[in-house]
Amino acid sequence: MMKIALGSDHAGLSLKMEIIKHLEEKSLEIKDFGTYTEESCDYPDYAYAVASEVSKKNFDLGILVCGTGIGISIAANKVKGIRAAACSDTFSAHASREHNDANIIALGERVVGVGLALDIVDTFLNSKFQGDRHQRRIDKITEIENRRNK
């Protein structure tokens, strides 16, 4: 069974809760790393919580939500081994998995509506990395990451 880690800041809380309901209906194993209230908070804290768990392979994939999906994806991408993609359409969601082997998707509650967000999540979760020529590019990303983290 696929294990999904989720997190959001206050600006993404509502959408995250809708995504959680959606994933629970699909009987996926999920864990919510916060935030749990609408009180103002800092998205890097939740990006790190999810990204570190995905990086350690405790979860297969992650879903992050903030106002735009941009800030939280930037923060998540600072964790070694994470390829977080901010997506606001289904084409980008499947391409991020198929071509970039993204392991976290980031969504913006202020950018996409609930219906589209759920379609994006489903597309992301159901897409698979194609390998082949794309693996060479992922390997180069990993080389850059390893140089940076020495």
N, C-alpha and C. Protein backbone atom coordinates (compact mmCIF):
# COMPACT_ATOMS: atom_id res chain seq x y z
N MET A 1 0.85 -1.19 0.00
CA MET A 1 0.00 0.00 0.00
C MET A 1 0.88 1.24 0.00
N MET A 2 0.53 2.20 -0.82
CA MET A 2 1.27 3.44 -0.90
C MET A 2 1.09 4.27 0.37
N LYS A 3 2.23 4.81 0.88
CA LYS A 3 2.20 5.64 2.08
C LYS A 3 2.49 7.09 1.66
N ILE A 4 1.60 7.99 2.08
CA ILE A 4 1.67 9.39 1.68
C ILE A 4 1.83 10.28 2.91
N ALA A 5 2.82 11.17 2.87
CA ALA A 5 3.02 12.17 3.92
C ALA A 5 2.44 13.50 3.43
N LEU A 6 1.71 14.19 4.29
CA LEU A 6 1.10 15.47 3.92
C LEU A 6 1.48 16.55 4.91
N GLY A 7 1.53 17.78 4.41
CA GLY A 7 1.79 18.92 5.26
C GLY A 7 1.32 20.19 4.60
N SER A 8 1.06 21.20 5.42
CA SER A 8 0.65 22.50 4.89
C SER A 8 0.94 23.56 5.93
N ASP A 9 0.94 24.79 5.46
CA ASP A 9 0.92 25.92 6.39
C ASP A 9 -0.55 26.32 6.55
N HIS A 10 -0.79 27.43 7.23
CA HIS A 10 -2.16 27.90 7.46
C HIS A 10 -2.89 28.23 6.16
N ALA A 11 -2.16 28.72 5.16
CA ALA A 11 -2.78 29.12 3.89
C ALA A 11 -3.19 27.92 3.04
N GLY A 12 -2.70 26.74 3.38
CA GLY A 12 -3.05 25.54 2.63
C GLY A 12 -3.86 24.53 3.43
N LEU A 13 -4.24 24.90 4.64
CA LEU A 13 -4.91 23.96 5.54
C LEU A 13 -6.22 23.42 4.97
N SER A 14 -7.07 24.27 4.46
CA SER A 14 -8.37 23.83 3.95
C SER A 14 -8.22 22.82 2.82
N LEU A 15 -7.34 23.15 1.87
CA LEU A 15 -7.14 22.25 0.74
C LEU A 15 -6.51 20.94 1.20
N LYS A 16 -5.56 21.02 2.11
CA LYS A 16 -4.94 19.79 2.63
C LYS A 16 -6.00 18.88 3.25
N MET A 17 -6.93 19.45 4.00
CA MET A 17 -7.97 18.65 4.63
C MET A 17 -8.87 17.98 3.59
N GLU A 18 -9.16 18.68 2.49
CA GLU A 18 -9.93 18.08 1.39
C GLU A 18 -9.15 16.93 0.75
N ILE A 19 -7.87 17.12 0.57
CA ILE A 19 -7.02 16.06 0.00
C ILE A 19 -6.98 14.86 0.93
N ILE A 20 -6.86 15.09 2.22
CA ILE A 20 -6.85 13.99 3.19
C ILE A 20 -8.14 13.18 3.10
N LYS A 21 -9.29 13.87 3.06
CA LYS A 21 -10.58 13.16 2.93
C LYS A 21 -10.58 12.30 1.67
N HIS A 22 -10.11 12.88 0.58
CA HIS A 22 -10.06 12.20 -0.71
C HIS A 22 -9.19 10.95 -0.64
N LEU A 23 -8.02 11.07 -0.03
CA LEU A 23 -7.10 9.94 0.06
C LEU A 23 -7.62 8.87 1.02
N GLU A 24 -8.28 9.28 2.09
CA GLU A 24 -8.88 8.31 3.02
C GLU A 24 -9.95 7.49 2.32
N GLU A 25 -10.71 8.11 1.42
CA GLU A 25 -11.73 7.38 0.66
C GLU A 25 -11.10 6.33 -0.24
N LYS A 26 -9.84 6.52 -0.61
CA LYS A 26 -9.12 5.57 -1.46
C LYS A 26 -8.35 4.54 -0.61
N SER A 27 -8.51 4.63 0.70
CA SER A 27 -7.86 3.70 1.64
C SER A 27 -6.33 3.72 1.55
N LEU A 28 -5.77 4.88 1.25
CA LEU A 28 -4.32 5.01 1.24
C LEU A 28 -3.83 5.28 2.66
N GLU A 29 -2.62 4.84 2.96
CA GLU A 29 -2.03 5.11 4.27
C GLU A 29 -1.44 6.51 4.24
N ILE A 30 -1.91 7.37 5.13
CA ILE A 30 -1.47 8.76 5.12
C ILE A 30 -1.07 9.20 6.53
N LYS A 31 -0.23 10.22 6.57
CA LYS A 31 0.09 10.86 7.84
C LYS A 31 0.16 12.37 7.60
N ASP A 32 -0.52 13.10 8.44
CA ASP A 32 -0.56 14.56 8.37
C ASP A 32 0.47 15.12 9.34
N PHE A 33 1.45 15.84 8.81
CA PHE A 33 2.52 16.42 9.63
C PHE A 33 2.22 17.86 10.03
N GLY A 34 0.98 18.30 9.87
CA GLY A 34 0.60 19.65 10.29
C GLY A 34 0.65 20.63 9.13
N THR A 35 0.26 21.77 9.40
CA THR A 35 -0.29 22.40 10.56
C THR A 35 -1.73 21.92 10.75
N TYR A 36 -2.26 22.17 11.93
CA TYR A 36 -3.60 21.68 12.25
C TYR A 36 -4.57 22.81 12.54
N THR A 37 -4.10 24.05 12.50
CA THR A 37 -4.96 25.20 12.78
C THR A 37 -4.74 26.28 11.73
N GLU A 38 -5.62 27.27 11.73
CA GLU A 38 -5.50 28.39 10.80
C GLU A 38 -4.60 29.50 11.33
N GLU A 39 -3.98 29.27 12.49
CA GLU A 39 -3.06 30.26 13.06
C GLU A 39 -1.83 30.38 12.15
N SER A 40 -1.41 31.61 11.90
CA SER A 40 -0.27 31.87 11.03
C SER A 40 0.95 31.06 11.46
N CYS A 41 1.60 30.43 10.49
CA CYS A 41 2.78 29.62 10.77
C CYS A 41 3.72 29.69 9.57
N ASP A 42 4.85 29.02 9.65
CA ASP A 42 5.88 29.10 8.62
C ASP A 42 5.95 27.81 7.81
N TYR A 43 5.72 27.94 6.50
CA TYR A 43 5.70 26.76 5.62
C TYR A 43 6.98 25.94 5.62
N PRO A 44 8.20 26.52 5.82
CA PRO A 44 9.39 25.66 5.81
C PRO A 44 9.36 24.56 6.87
N ASP A 45 8.71 24.82 7.99
CA ASP A 45 8.64 23.80 9.05
C ASP A 45 7.91 22.55 8.57
N TYR A 46 6.84 22.73 7.84
CA TYR A 46 6.03 21.60 7.37
C TYR A 46 6.64 20.97 6.12
N ALA A 47 7.27 21.79 5.31
CA ALA A 47 7.99 21.25 4.15
C ALA A 47 9.08 20.31 4.62
N TYR A 48 9.83 20.73 5.64
CA TYR A 48 10.92 19.91 6.16
C TYR A 48 10.39 18.62 6.80
N ALA A 49 9.33 18.72 7.56
CA ALA A 49 8.77 17.54 8.22
C ALA A 49 8.41 16.47 7.19
N VAL A 50 7.73 16.87 6.12
CA VAL A 50 7.32 15.91 5.08
C VAL A 50 8.52 15.45 4.27
N ALA A 51 9.34 16.40 3.82
CA ALA A 51 10.47 16.06 2.95
C ALA A 51 11.48 15.14 3.65
N SER A 52 11.72 15.36 4.92
CA SER A 52 12.68 14.51 5.62
C SER A 52 12.16 13.07 5.72
N GLU A 53 10.87 12.92 5.92
CA GLU A 53 10.29 11.57 5.99
C GLU A 53 10.29 10.87 4.63
N VAL A 54 10.00 11.62 3.58
CA VAL A 54 10.05 11.04 2.23
C VAL A 54 11.50 10.70 1.87
N SER A 55 12.42 11.58 2.20
CA SER A 55 13.84 11.36 1.92
C SER A 55 14.36 10.10 2.61
N LYS A 56 13.89 9.85 3.82
CA LYS A 56 14.30 8.65 4.58
C LYS A 56 13.56 7.39 4.12
N LYS A 57 12.67 7.55 3.14
CA LYS A 57 11.88 6.45 2.59
C LYS A 57 10.86 5.88 3.57
N ASN A 58 10.49 6.68 4.58
CA ASN A 58 9.43 6.27 5.49
C ASN A 58 8.06 6.42 4.83
N PHE A 59 8.01 7.22 3.77
CA PHE A 59 6.79 7.42 2.97
C PHE A 59 7.18 7.36 1.51
N ASP A 60 6.26 6.88 0.68
CA ASP A 60 6.54 6.76 -0.75
C ASP A 60 6.56 8.12 -1.43
N LEU A 61 5.58 8.95 -1.11
CA LEU A 61 5.43 10.25 -1.74
C LEU A 61 4.92 11.26 -0.72
N GLY A 62 5.05 12.54 -1.06
CA GLY A 62 4.55 13.59 -0.20
C GLY A 62 3.67 14.57 -0.96
N ILE A 63 2.78 15.21 -0.21
CA ILE A 63 1.91 16.26 -0.75
C ILE A 63 2.00 17.43 0.21
N LEU A 64 2.34 18.59 -0.34
CA LEU A 64 2.46 19.82 0.44
C LEU A 64 1.53 20.88 -0.12
N VAL A 65 0.98 21.71 0.76
CA VAL A 65 0.07 22.78 0.32
C VAL A 65 0.39 24.06 1.08
N CYS A 66 0.53 25.14 0.34
CA CYS A 66 0.62 26.48 0.93
C CYS A 66 -0.25 27.39 0.07
N GLY A 67 -0.06 28.67 0.15
CA GLY A 67 -0.89 29.59 -0.64
C GLY A 67 -0.72 29.40 -2.13
N THR A 68 0.54 29.28 -2.57
CA THR A 68 0.82 29.12 -4.00
C THR A 68 1.42 27.78 -4.37
N GLY A 69 1.98 27.08 -3.42
CA GLY A 69 2.72 25.84 -3.68
C GLY A 69 4.19 26.10 -3.97
N ILE A 70 4.54 27.35 -4.17
CA ILE A 70 5.91 27.68 -4.56
C ILE A 70 6.86 27.66 -3.37
N GLY A 71 6.55 28.45 -2.35
CA GLY A 71 7.45 28.53 -1.20
C GLY A 71 7.68 27.19 -0.55
N ILE A 72 6.63 26.43 -0.37
CA ILE A 72 6.74 25.14 0.31
C ILE A 72 7.54 24.14 -0.53
N SER A 73 7.45 24.25 -1.87
CA SER A 73 8.24 23.37 -2.73
C SER A 73 9.72 23.76 -2.69
N ILE A 74 10.00 25.06 -2.66
CA ILE A 74 11.39 25.51 -2.57
C ILE A 74 12.01 24.97 -1.28
N ALA A 75 11.30 25.10 -0.18
CA ALA A 75 11.81 24.61 1.11
C ALA A 75 12.04 23.10 1.07
N ALA A 76 11.09 22.36 0.54
CA ALA A 76 11.22 20.89 0.48
C ALA A 76 12.41 20.48 -0.37
N ASN A 77 12.68 21.21 -1.43
CA ASN A 77 13.78 20.86 -2.32
C ASN A 77 15.15 21.08 -1.70
N LYS A 78 15.22 21.67 -0.53
CA LYS A 78 16.50 21.82 0.18
C LYS A 78 16.90 20.53 0.89
N VAL A 79 15.99 19.58 1.01
CA VAL A 79 16.28 18.30 1.66
C VAL A 79 16.86 17.36 0.61
N LYS A 80 18.00 16.78 0.94
CA LYS A 80 18.69 15.87 0.01
C LYS A 80 17.76 14.73 -0.42
N GLY A 81 17.73 14.49 -1.71
CA GLY A 81 16.93 13.40 -2.25
C GLY A 81 15.51 13.77 -2.61
N ILE A 82 15.15 15.01 -2.38
CA ILE A 82 13.78 15.45 -2.67
C ILE A 82 13.73 16.16 -4.01
N ARG A 83 12.71 15.80 -4.78
CA ARG A 83 12.38 16.49 -6.02
C ARG A 83 10.91 16.88 -5.91
N ALA A 84 10.69 18.07 -5.38
CA ALA A 84 9.32 18.57 -5.17
C ALA A 84 8.93 19.45 -6.35
N ALA A 85 7.75 19.22 -6.86
CA ALA A 85 7.25 19.97 -8.01
C ALA A 85 5.97 20.72 -7.63
N ALA A 86 5.99 22.01 -7.82
CA ALA A 86 4.77 22.81 -7.64
C ALA A 86 3.96 22.67 -8.92
N CYS A 87 2.74 22.17 -8.80
CA CYS A 87 1.91 21.90 -9.98
C CYS A 87 0.53 22.53 -9.81
N SER A 88 0.03 23.08 -10.90
CA SER A 88 -1.33 23.62 -10.89
C SER A 88 -2.14 23.09 -12.07
N ASP A 89 -1.65 22.01 -12.70
CA ASP A 89 -2.38 21.36 -13.78
C ASP A 89 -2.00 19.89 -13.83
N THR A 90 -2.82 19.08 -14.45
CA THR A 90 -2.58 17.64 -14.46
C THR A 90 -1.42 17.25 -15.37
N PHE A 91 -1.20 17.99 -16.46
CA PHE A 91 -0.07 17.68 -17.34
C PHE A 91 1.24 17.77 -16.58
N SER A 92 1.42 18.86 -15.83
CA SER A 92 2.65 19.03 -15.04
C SER A 92 2.75 17.95 -13.97
N ALA A 93 1.63 17.56 -13.39
CA ALA A 93 1.64 16.53 -12.35
C ALA A 93 2.16 15.20 -12.89
N HIS A 94 1.66 14.78 -14.06
CA HIS A 94 2.14 13.49 -14.56
C HIS A 94 3.55 13.62 -15.13
N ALA A 95 3.88 14.73 -15.74
CA ALA A 95 5.24 14.91 -16.25
C ALA A 95 6.26 14.96 -15.11
N SER A 96 5.87 15.55 -13.98
CA SER A 96 6.80 15.63 -12.85
C SER A 96 7.17 14.23 -12.34
N ARG A 97 6.24 13.30 -12.40
CA ARG A 97 6.52 11.92 -11.98
C ARG A 97 7.22 11.15 -13.10
N GLU A 98 6.66 11.23 -14.32
CA GLU A 98 7.17 10.42 -15.42
C GLU A 98 8.56 10.84 -15.88
N HIS A 99 8.83 12.13 -15.90
CA HIS A 99 10.11 12.63 -16.42
C HIS A 99 11.10 13.01 -15.33
N ASN A 100 10.60 13.55 -14.21
CA ASN A 100 11.48 14.10 -13.18
C ASN A 100 11.55 13.24 -11.92
N ASP A 101 10.79 12.17 -11.88
CA ASP A 101 10.72 11.30 -10.71
C ASP A 101 10.47 12.10 -9.43
N ALA A 102 9.59 13.09 -9.54
CA ALA A 102 9.24 13.91 -8.37
C ALA A 102 8.68 13.00 -7.29
N ASN A 103 9.08 13.27 -6.05
CA ASN A 103 8.57 12.47 -4.94
C ASN A 103 7.67 13.29 -4.01
N ILE A 104 7.54 14.57 -4.31
CA ILE A 104 6.60 15.43 -3.58
C ILE A 104 5.93 16.35 -4.58
N ILE A 105 4.63 16.53 -4.41
CA ILE A 105 3.90 17.52 -5.20
C ILE A 105 3.47 18.64 -4.25
N ALA A 106 3.55 19.85 -4.74
CA ALA A 106 3.14 21.01 -3.95
C ALA A 106 2.02 21.73 -4.68
N LEU A 107 1.00 22.09 -3.94
CA LEU A 107 -0.18 22.75 -4.51
C LEU A 107 -0.42 24.07 -3.80
N GLY A 108 -1.05 24.98 -4.51
CA GLY A 108 -1.40 26.26 -3.94
C GLY A 108 -2.90 26.39 -3.74
N GLU A 109 -3.33 26.52 -2.50
CA GLU A 109 -4.76 26.65 -2.21
C GLU A 109 -5.35 27.90 -2.86
N ARG A 110 -4.54 28.95 -3.00
CA ARG A 110 -5.01 30.19 -3.62
C ARG A 110 -4.91 30.16 -5.13
N VAL A 111 -4.41 29.05 -5.68
CA VAL A 111 -4.18 28.93 -7.12
C VAL A 111 -5.17 27.98 -7.78
N VAL A 112 -5.44 26.84 -7.14
CA VAL A 112 -6.32 25.83 -7.74
C VAL A 112 -7.52 25.56 -6.84
N GLY A 113 -8.62 25.25 -7.46
CA GLY A 113 -9.81 24.87 -6.71
C GLY A 113 -9.71 23.42 -6.26
N VAL A 114 -10.62 23.03 -5.40
CA VAL A 114 -10.58 21.68 -4.82
C VAL A 114 -10.69 20.61 -5.90
N GLY A 115 -11.62 20.73 -6.81
CA GLY A 115 -11.81 19.71 -7.84
C GLY A 115 -10.56 19.47 -8.67
N LEU A 116 -9.96 20.55 -9.13
CA LEU A 116 -8.73 20.43 -9.91
C LEU A 116 -7.61 19.88 -9.05
N ALA A 117 -7.50 20.34 -7.82
CA ALA A 117 -6.45 19.86 -6.92
C ALA A 117 -6.54 18.34 -6.74
N LEU A 118 -7.73 17.81 -6.57
CA LEU A 118 -7.88 16.37 -6.39
C LEU A 118 -7.50 15.61 -7.66
N ASP A 119 -7.84 16.17 -8.82
CA ASP A 119 -7.41 15.57 -10.10
C ASP A 119 -5.89 15.58 -10.22
N ILE A 120 -5.25 16.68 -9.81
CA ILE A 120 -3.79 16.79 -9.85
C ILE A 120 -3.17 15.74 -8.93
N VAL A 121 -3.70 15.61 -7.72
CA VAL A 121 -3.19 14.62 -6.77
C VAL A 121 -3.33 13.21 -7.34
N ASP A 122 -4.50 12.88 -7.87
CA ASP A 122 -4.71 11.54 -8.44
C ASP A 122 -3.74 11.29 -9.59
N THR A 123 -3.56 12.27 -10.45
CA THR A 123 -2.64 12.13 -11.58
C THR A 123 -1.22 11.88 -11.07
N PHE A 124 -0.79 12.67 -10.09
CA PHE A 124 0.55 12.52 -9.51
C PHE A 124 0.73 11.13 -8.92
N LEU A 125 -0.23 10.69 -8.12
CA LEU A 125 -0.10 9.39 -7.44
C LEU A 125 -0.15 8.21 -8.39
N ASN A 126 -0.86 8.37 -9.50
CA ASN A 126 -1.02 7.25 -10.44
C ASN A 126 0.01 7.23 -11.56
N SER A 127 0.88 8.22 -11.62
CA SER A 127 1.92 8.27 -12.65
C SER A 127 3.19 7.60 -12.14
N LYS A 128 3.94 7.03 -13.05
CA LYS A 128 5.17 6.32 -12.69
C LYS A 128 6.35 6.90 -13.48
N PHE A 129 7.51 6.89 -12.84
CA PHE A 129 8.74 7.34 -13.48
C PHE A 129 9.04 6.45 -14.68
N GLN A 130 9.37 7.06 -15.82
CA GLN A 130 9.62 6.31 -17.05
C GLN A 130 11.06 5.84 -17.20
N GLY A 131 11.96 6.35 -16.38
CA GLY A 131 13.35 5.91 -16.46
C GLY A 131 13.97 6.27 -17.80
N ASP A 132 14.77 5.35 -18.33
CA ASP A 132 15.42 5.50 -19.63
C ASP A 132 16.18 6.83 -19.72
N ARG A 133 15.92 7.63 -20.73
CA ARG A 133 16.67 8.88 -20.92
C ARG A 133 16.46 9.84 -19.75
N HIS A 134 15.35 9.71 -19.06
CA HIS A 134 15.07 10.59 -17.93
C HIS A 134 15.96 10.27 -16.74
N GLN A 135 16.35 9.01 -16.59
CA GLN A 135 17.22 8.62 -15.48
C GLN A 135 18.56 9.35 -15.56
N ARG A 136 19.07 9.50 -16.75
CA ARG A 136 20.34 10.21 -16.93
C ARG A 136 20.24 11.63 -16.38
N ARG A 137 19.11 12.26 -16.58
CA ARG A 137 18.91 13.64 -16.10
C ARG A 137 18.75 13.67 -14.58
N ILE A 138 18.05 12.70 -14.04
CA ILE A 138 17.90 12.62 -12.59
C ILE A 138 19.26 12.38 -11.94
N ASP A 139 20.08 11.55 -12.57
CA ASP A 139 21.42 11.30 -12.06
C ASP A 139 22.25 12.59 -12.04
N LYS A 140 22.07 13.43 -13.04
CA LYS A 140 22.79 14.72 -13.07
C LYS A 140 22.29 15.65 -11.97
N ILE A 141 21.00 15.63 -11.71
CA ILE A 141 20.46 16.43 -10.60
C ILE A 141 21.08 15.95 -9.29
N THR A 142 21.16 14.64 -9.12
CA THR A 142 21.73 14.08 -7.91
C THR A 142 23.21 14.46 -7.78
N GLU A 143 23.94 14.48 -8.89
CA GLU A 143 25.34 14.91 -8.86
C GLU A 143 25.45 16.35 -8.37
N ILE A 144 24.59 17.23 -8.87
CA ILE A 144 24.60 18.62 -8.43
C ILE A 144 24.30 18.70 -6.93
N GLU A 145 23.30 17.96 -6.52
CA GLU A 145 22.92 17.93 -5.11
C GLU A 145 24.07 17.45 -4.23
N ASN A 146 24.77 16.41 -4.67
CA ASN A 146 25.88 15.89 -3.89
C ASN A 146 27.05 16.87 -3.81
N ARG A 147 27.29 17.60 -4.88
CA ARG A 147 28.35 18.62 -4.86
C ARG A 147 28.00 19.72 -3.88
N ARG A 148 26.74 20.13 -3.87
CA ARG A 148 26.27 21.21 -3.01
C ARG A 148 26.33 20.82 -1.54
N ASN A 149 26.09 19.56 -1.26
CA ASN A 149 25.97 19.13 0.14
C ASN A 149 27.26 18.56 0.72
N LYS A 150 28.39 18.82 0.08
CA LYS A 150 29.66 18.32 0.63
C LYS A 150 30.19 19.27 1.67
